[in-house]
Protein backbone atom coordinates (compact mmCIF):
# COMPACT_ATOMS: atom_id res chain seq x y z
CA UNK A 1 128.64 80.29 124.69
CA UNK A 2 126.19 80.23 122.32
CA UNK A 3 123.58 79.64 124.77
CA UNK A 4 124.68 82.97 126.66
CA UNK A 5 124.83 84.88 123.59
CA UNK A 6 121.39 83.99 122.20
CA UNK A 7 120.10 84.53 125.83
CA UNK A 8 121.91 88.53 125.94
CA UNK A 9 120.36 89.48 122.05
CA UNK A 10 117.13 87.75 122.26
CA UNK A 11 115.92 89.37 125.92
CA UNK A 12 117.37 92.49 124.54
CA UNK A 13 115.45 92.14 121.16
CA UNK A 14 112.60 91.28 123.64
CA UNK A 15 112.67 94.20 125.55
CA UNK A 16 112.96 96.62 122.64
CA UNK A 17 110.90 94.88 119.93
CA UNK A 18 107.39 97.38 119.94
CA UNK A 19 104.94 96.98 117.49
CA UNK A 20 105.03 93.40 117.29
CA UNK A 21 107.43 90.86 114.61
CA UNK A 22 106.61 93.03 111.45
CA UNK A 23 107.56 96.32 114.00
CA UNK A 24 110.11 94.96 115.49
CA UNK A 25 111.69 92.98 112.00
CA UNK A 26 114.51 95.27 111.55
CA UNK A 27 115.76 95.42 115.02
CA UNK A 28 115.62 91.42 114.67
CA UNK A 29 117.44 91.50 111.06
CA UNK A 30 120.41 94.11 112.37
CA UNK A 31 121.20 91.98 115.66
CA UNK A 32 121.15 88.30 113.54
CA UNK A 33 122.34 89.15 110.61
CA UNK A 34 124.93 92.68 111.03
CA UNK A 35 125.69 92.57 114.75
CA UNK A 36 126.43 88.67 115.66
CA UNK A 37 126.63 87.32 112.09
CA UNK A 38 124.49 83.86 112.45
CA UNK A 39 122.97 84.41 109.10
CA UNK A 40 123.18 86.15 105.86
CA UNK A 41 120.18 88.74 105.05
CA UNK A 42 118.94 85.92 102.30
CA UNK A 43 119.02 83.62 105.00
CA UNK A 44 116.88 86.19 107.53
CA UNK A 45 114.35 86.69 104.68
CA UNK A 46 113.66 82.97 103.99
CA UNK A 47 113.26 82.25 107.90
CA UNK A 48 110.65 85.61 107.76
CA UNK A 49 108.76 83.52 104.92
CA UNK A 50 108.83 80.80 106.86
CA UNK A 51 107.73 82.04 110.45
CA UNK A 52 104.86 83.98 108.88
CA UNK A 53 103.53 80.64 107.06
CA UNK A 54 104.02 79.01 110.51
CA UNK A 55 101.42 79.28 113.69
CA UNK A 56 102.22 81.96 115.98
CA UNK A 57 103.66 85.82 116.36
CA UNK A 58 106.72 86.11 113.66
CA UNK A 59 109.22 87.69 116.44
CA UNK A 60 109.09 84.32 118.83
CA UNK A 61 108.93 82.29 115.14
CA UNK A 62 111.87 83.79 114.19
CA UNK A 63 113.65 83.67 117.35
CA UNK A 64 112.99 79.73 117.71
CA UNK A 65 114.55 79.28 114.35
CA UNK A 66 117.40 81.45 114.80
CA UNK A 67 117.96 79.43 117.92
CA UNK A 68 117.48 76.09 116.24
CA UNK A 69 120.07 77.75 113.68
CA UNK A 70 122.82 78.05 116.02
CA UNK A 71 122.48 76.10 119.09
CA UNK A 72 119.83 73.15 118.19
CA UNK A 73 117.02 72.70 120.26
CA UNK A 74 118.45 74.12 123.37
CA UNK A 75 119.20 77.32 121.36
CA UNK A 76 115.67 77.25 120.04
CA UNK A 77 114.36 77.22 124.11
CA UNK A 78 116.40 79.65 125.23
CA UNK A 79 116.08 82.06 122.52
CA UNK A 80 112.20 81.82 122.38
CA UNK A 81 111.73 81.98 126.33
CA UNK A 82 114.51 85.03 126.90
CA UNK A 83 112.56 86.71 123.84
CA UNK A 84 109.04 86.83 125.19
CA UNK A 85 109.69 87.23 129.09
CA UNK A 86 110.60 90.85 128.56
CA UNK A 87 106.96 91.25 126.90
CA UNK A 88 105.55 89.07 129.80
CA UNK A 89 106.86 91.57 132.08
CA UNK A 90 106.20 94.64 130.29
CA UNK A 91 102.72 93.61 129.32
CA UNK A 92 101.97 92.84 132.76
CA UNK A 93 102.99 96.04 134.10
CA UNK A 94 101.39 97.95 131.33
CA UNK A 95 98.21 96.27 131.70
CA UNK A 96 98.06 97.77 135.54
CA UNK A 97 98.91 100.83 134.80
CA UNK A 98 96.74 101.22 131.23
CA UNK A 99 93.79 99.90 133.20
CA UNK A 100 94.26 102.91 135.84
CA UNK A 101 94.90 105.65 133.98
CA UNK A 102 93.67 104.52 130.37
CA UNK A 103 91.08 108.16 130.27
CA UNK A 104 94.13 110.35 130.65
CA UNK A 105 95.31 112.74 127.47
CA UNK A 106 98.92 112.40 128.57
CA UNK A 107 98.72 108.84 127.76
CA UNK A 108 96.44 109.41 125.10
CA UNK A 109 98.81 111.02 123.51
CA UNK A 110 101.97 108.42 124.59
CA UNK A 111 99.90 105.97 122.64
CA UNK A 112 99.79 108.39 119.58
CA UNK A 113 103.35 109.36 119.34
CA UNK A 114 104.34 105.83 119.45
CA UNK A 115 101.93 105.22 116.27
CA UNK A 116 104.75 106.98 113.72
CA UNK A 117 107.66 105.15 115.10
CA UNK A 118 106.13 101.86 114.93
CA UNK A 119 105.09 102.69 111.02
CA UNK A 120 109.07 103.55 110.74
CA UNK A 121 110.36 100.71 111.58
CA UNK A 122 107.74 98.48 109.60
CA UNK A 123 108.88 100.85 106.51
CA UNK A 124 112.67 100.20 107.35
CA UNK A 125 112.01 96.18 107.18
CA UNK A 126 109.84 96.61 104.45
CA UNK A 127 112.65 98.29 102.36
CA UNK A 128 115.40 95.74 103.68
CA UNK A 129 112.98 93.12 102.55
CA UNK A 130 112.13 94.29 99.49
CA UNK A 131 116.02 95.17 98.79
CA UNK A 132 117.12 91.83 99.09
CA UNK A 133 114.27 89.83 97.25
CA UNK A 134 114.36 92.01 94.39
CA UNK A 135 118.51 92.86 93.83
CA UNK A 136 120.05 90.64 96.80
CA UNK A 137 120.61 93.29 99.30
CA UNK A 138 120.55 97.05 98.92
CA UNK A 139 124.23 97.23 97.81
CA UNK A 140 123.24 95.54 94.80
CA UNK A 141 120.62 98.15 93.50
CA UNK A 142 120.91 98.48 89.81
CA UNK A 143 118.49 97.93 87.07
CA UNK A 144 120.63 95.15 85.51
CA UNK A 145 121.08 93.54 88.96
CA UNK A 146 116.96 93.87 89.60
CA UNK A 147 114.72 90.36 89.27
CA UNK A 148 111.24 91.73 88.04
CA UNK A 149 110.07 88.36 88.50
CA UNK A 150 110.46 89.03 92.43
CA UNK A 151 108.63 92.78 91.62
CA UNK A 152 106.17 91.12 89.51
CA UNK A 153 105.06 88.41 92.34
CA UNK A 154 105.41 91.53 95.26
CA UNK A 155 103.40 93.47 92.73
CA UNK A 156 100.76 90.66 92.44
CA UNK A 157 100.89 90.11 95.81
CA UNK A 158 99.70 93.73 97.42
CA UNK A 159 96.88 93.59 94.48
CA UNK A 160 95.36 90.42 95.96
CA UNK A 161 95.98 91.33 99.48
CA UNK A 162 94.85 95.39 98.59
CA UNK A 163 91.88 93.95 96.58
CA UNK A 164 90.45 90.33 97.19
CA UNK A 165 92.53 90.60 100.84
CA UNK A 166 94.01 87.33 100.84
CA UNK A 167 95.06 85.82 104.18
CA UNK A 168 98.95 85.95 105.01
CA UNK A 169 99.06 82.12 104.38
CA UNK A 170 97.19 82.44 100.73
CA UNK A 171 99.29 84.68 100.15
CA UNK A 172 102.58 83.45 100.95
CA UNK A 173 101.87 79.76 99.52
CA UNK A 174 100.30 81.46 96.17
CA UNK A 175 103.47 83.48 96.15
CA UNK A 176 105.98 80.54 96.61
CA UNK A 177 104.23 77.73 93.81
CA UNK A 178 104.44 80.91 91.69
CA UNK A 179 108.08 81.69 91.80
CA UNK A 180 108.83 77.78 91.86
CA UNK A 181 106.66 77.59 88.82
CA UNK A 182 108.07 80.60 87.16
CA UNK A 183 111.61 79.49 88.51
CA UNK A 184 111.40 76.26 87.24
CA UNK A 185 110.25 77.15 83.86
CA UNK A 186 112.96 79.89 83.28
CA UNK A 187 115.79 77.97 84.99
CA UNK A 188 116.76 80.45 87.15
CA UNK A 189 119.70 79.91 89.30
CA UNK A 190 118.30 80.22 93.29
């Protein structure tokens, strides 16, 4: 039953996850955390961190981790394959259409019209991830519950990404090391 649930969940996610892993992260989080209850927001945030550090596209890595968490190796195989199948079919069809009609103004209008939706999905994912990292969820937002260390690390990483053009692996590893040292020093409960 869980394999069927993984299949139906991730084939739908694969079919409706536009904009790549970051753009579809909120959609995936909603299904995996809120609808299915396979993990908590904090666990999902951890999986995103691990998925960013591992090779491959973010959405596929998340599907693989969720599959492994819920049903072991068979779950990984089912979740990963069902997540990529719609993309393979859609890309093959869209590539054919795009190369045939790419110069039409209507096609260019559709592509430009999709950009704000993708930006909104990325922003929604950023808000959810930030609230989990800084306040342990949207329901806990308050000054007294603010994790100022997480905000400081986030700010530092944003500066490094913008000014120094550090890559994602360097940024994630650096953030993890800084967090491990600071939290170990202050004895912060994890």
